[in-house]
Amino acid sequence: MSKLLDFLFGKSPKIFDNNNNVRHDLPKETWEAWQKRYFSDPDRNWRNHSGMKARERRQKN
């Protein structure tokens, strides 16, 4: 019966913890590598590509 209900209505996502926060099952090393890569390299940091900073870069080029 549960397989039929899953088929008809979809499975419930398993990415939420008890406080309804999104929780990904990735090791801590993966998250640290992601943080290091995206926040230390200015070309990969999304904050440098939005708003006024992006407009300033376009005007320089």
N, C-alpha and C. Protein backbone atom coordinates (compact mmCIF):
# COMPACT_ATOMS: atom_id res chain seq x y z
N MET A 1 0.82 -1.20 0.00
CA MET A 1 0.00 0.00 0.00
C MET A 1 0.86 1.27 0.00
N SER A 2 1.96 1.26 0.76
CA SER A 2 2.80 2.46 0.82
C SER A 2 3.47 2.73 -0.52
N LYS A 3 3.81 1.69 -1.26
CA LYS A 3 4.41 1.90 -2.59
C LYS A 3 3.42 2.56 -3.53
N LEU A 4 2.16 2.18 -3.41
CA LEU A 4 1.13 2.79 -4.25
C LEU A 4 0.95 4.26 -3.89
N LEU A 5 0.91 4.57 -2.61
CA LEU A 5 0.78 5.96 -2.18
C LEU A 5 2.00 6.78 -2.59
N ASP A 6 3.20 6.20 -2.48
CA ASP A 6 4.41 6.90 -2.93
C ASP A 6 4.34 7.17 -4.43
N PHE A 7 3.81 6.22 -5.19
CA PHE A 7 3.71 6.39 -6.63
C PHE A 7 2.71 7.49 -6.98
N LEU A 8 1.58 7.50 -6.30
CA LEU A 8 0.54 8.47 -6.61
C LEU A 8 0.87 9.88 -6.11
N PHE A 9 1.41 9.99 -4.93
CA PHE A 9 1.61 11.30 -4.32
C PHE A 9 3.07 11.69 -4.15
N GLY A 10 3.98 10.83 -4.50
CA GLY A 10 5.40 11.11 -4.37
C GLY A 10 5.91 10.80 -2.98
N LYS A 11 7.19 10.57 -2.89
CA LYS A 11 7.81 10.27 -1.61
C LYS A 11 8.07 11.56 -0.84
N SER A 12 8.04 11.47 0.46
CA SER A 12 8.36 12.65 1.26
C SER A 12 9.87 12.85 1.24
N PRO A 13 10.31 14.10 1.13
CA PRO A 13 11.76 14.34 1.09
C PRO A 13 12.41 13.99 2.41
N LYS A 14 13.61 13.47 2.34
CA LYS A 14 14.35 13.08 3.54
C LYS A 14 15.50 14.03 3.82
N ILE A 15 15.36 15.27 3.39
CA ILE A 15 16.45 16.23 3.57
C ILE A 15 16.20 17.17 4.74
N PHE A 16 15.07 17.00 5.45
CA PHE A 16 14.75 17.89 6.56
C PHE A 16 15.02 17.22 7.89
N ASP A 17 15.55 17.99 8.84
CA ASP A 17 15.78 17.47 10.19
C ASP A 17 14.52 17.69 11.03
N ASN A 18 14.61 17.46 12.33
CA ASN A 18 13.45 17.60 13.21
C ASN A 18 12.96 19.04 13.33
N ASN A 19 13.83 20.01 13.08
CA ASN A 19 13.45 21.43 13.14
C ASN A 19 13.04 21.98 11.79
N ASN A 20 12.85 21.10 10.81
CA ASN A 20 12.48 21.46 9.44
C ASN A 20 13.52 22.31 8.75
N ASN A 21 14.78 22.15 9.14
CA ASN A 21 15.89 22.78 8.43
C ASN A 21 16.42 21.79 7.41
N VAL A 22 16.91 22.30 6.29
CA VAL A 22 17.47 21.42 5.26
C VAL A 22 18.77 20.84 5.78
N ARG A 23 18.90 19.53 5.66
CA ARG A 23 20.07 18.82 6.13
C ARG A 23 20.55 17.90 5.01
N HIS A 24 21.75 18.10 4.57
CA HIS A 24 22.33 17.25 3.53
C HIS A 24 23.29 16.27 4.19
N ASP A 25 23.25 15.04 3.74
CA ASP A 25 24.13 14.02 4.31
C ASP A 25 25.47 14.00 3.61
N LEU A 26 26.20 15.07 3.76
CA LEU A 26 27.55 15.15 3.20
C LEU A 26 28.54 15.23 4.35
N PRO A 27 29.71 14.65 4.16
CA PRO A 27 30.72 14.73 5.23
C PRO A 27 31.18 16.17 5.46
N LYS A 28 31.67 16.42 6.66
CA LYS A 28 32.12 17.76 7.03
C LYS A 28 33.25 18.25 6.12
N GLU A 29 34.10 17.35 5.68
CA GLU A 29 35.21 17.73 4.79
C GLU A 29 34.70 18.30 3.47
N THR A 30 33.61 17.75 2.97
CA THR A 30 33.03 18.24 1.72
C THR A 30 32.55 19.67 1.88
N TRP A 31 31.86 19.97 2.99
CA TRP A 31 31.38 21.32 3.23
C TRP A 31 32.54 22.29 3.42
N GLU A 32 33.59 21.88 4.12
CA GLU A 32 34.73 22.76 4.33
C GLU A 32 35.44 23.06 3.01
N ALA A 33 35.57 22.06 2.15
CA ALA A 33 36.18 22.28 0.84
C ALA A 33 35.34 23.23 0.01
N TRP A 34 34.02 23.09 0.08
CA TRP A 34 33.12 23.98 -0.66
C TRP A 34 33.28 25.41 -0.17
N GLN A 35 33.28 25.60 1.15
CA GLN A 35 33.43 26.94 1.72
C GLN A 35 34.75 27.56 1.29
N LYS A 36 35.79 26.79 1.38
CA LYS A 36 37.13 27.30 1.02
C LYS A 36 37.18 27.69 -0.45
N ARG A 37 36.62 26.86 -1.31
CA ARG A 37 36.68 27.13 -2.74
C ARG A 37 35.84 28.35 -3.12
N TYR A 38 34.64 28.47 -2.58
CA TYR A 38 33.76 29.53 -3.03
C TYR A 38 33.98 30.87 -2.35
N PHE A 39 34.52 30.87 -1.15
CA PHE A 39 34.68 32.14 -0.47
C PHE A 39 36.10 32.68 -0.54
N SER A 40 37.08 31.84 -0.86
CA SER A 40 38.46 32.34 -0.94
C SER A 40 38.80 32.83 -2.34
N ASP A 41 38.20 32.27 -3.37
CA ASP A 41 38.47 32.66 -4.75
C ASP A 41 37.44 33.73 -5.17
N PRO A 42 37.86 34.96 -5.43
CA PRO A 42 36.91 36.02 -5.76
C PRO A 42 36.12 35.76 -7.05
N ASP A 43 36.68 34.99 -7.98
CA ASP A 43 35.96 34.70 -9.21
C ASP A 43 34.83 33.71 -9.00
N ARG A 44 34.90 32.90 -7.96
CA ARG A 44 33.86 31.92 -7.68
C ARG A 44 32.86 32.38 -6.63
N ASN A 45 33.19 33.44 -5.92
CA ASN A 45 32.30 33.93 -4.86
C ASN A 45 31.11 34.63 -5.50
N TRP A 46 29.91 34.10 -5.28
CA TRP A 46 28.72 34.65 -5.92
C TRP A 46 28.43 36.07 -5.47
N ARG A 47 28.90 36.45 -4.31
CA ARG A 47 28.63 37.80 -3.82
C ARG A 47 29.36 38.85 -4.65
N ASN A 48 30.43 38.46 -5.29
CA ASN A 48 31.16 39.40 -6.14
C ASN A 48 30.51 39.58 -7.50
N HIS A 49 29.52 38.77 -7.82
CA HIS A 49 28.90 38.81 -9.14
C HIS A 49 27.49 39.36 -9.10
N SER A 50 27.12 39.98 -8.01
CA SER A 50 25.74 40.48 -7.91
C SER A 50 25.75 41.95 -7.53
N GLY A 51 24.71 42.63 -7.91
CA GLY A 51 24.51 44.01 -7.48
C GLY A 51 25.56 44.97 -7.98
N MET A 52 25.99 45.85 -7.12
CA MET A 52 26.89 46.93 -7.49
C MET A 52 28.26 46.42 -7.91
N LYS A 53 28.75 45.37 -7.30
CA LYS A 53 30.08 44.87 -7.64
C LYS A 53 30.12 44.38 -9.08
N ALA A 54 29.07 43.72 -9.52
CA ALA A 54 29.03 43.23 -10.90
C ALA A 54 28.98 44.41 -11.87
N ARG A 55 28.23 45.43 -11.53
CA ARG A 55 28.14 46.61 -12.39
C ARG A 55 29.49 47.31 -12.48
N GLU A 56 30.22 47.40 -11.37
CA GLU A 56 31.54 48.03 -11.37
C GLU A 56 32.50 47.27 -12.27
N ARG A 57 32.44 45.94 -12.23
CA ARG A 57 33.34 45.14 -13.08
C ARG A 57 33.04 45.36 -14.55
N ARG A 58 31.75 45.44 -14.91
CA ARG A 58 31.38 45.64 -16.31
C ARG A 58 31.88 46.99 -16.81
N GLN A 59 31.85 48.00 -15.97
CA GLN A 59 32.30 49.32 -16.38
C GLN A 59 33.80 49.38 -16.58
N LYS A 60 34.56 48.58 -15.82
CA LYS A 60 36.02 48.54 -15.96
C LYS A 60 36.40 47.90 -17.27
N ASN A 61 35.65 46.88 -17.71
CA ASN A 61 36.02 46.13 -18.93
C ASN A 61 35.58 46.87 -20.11
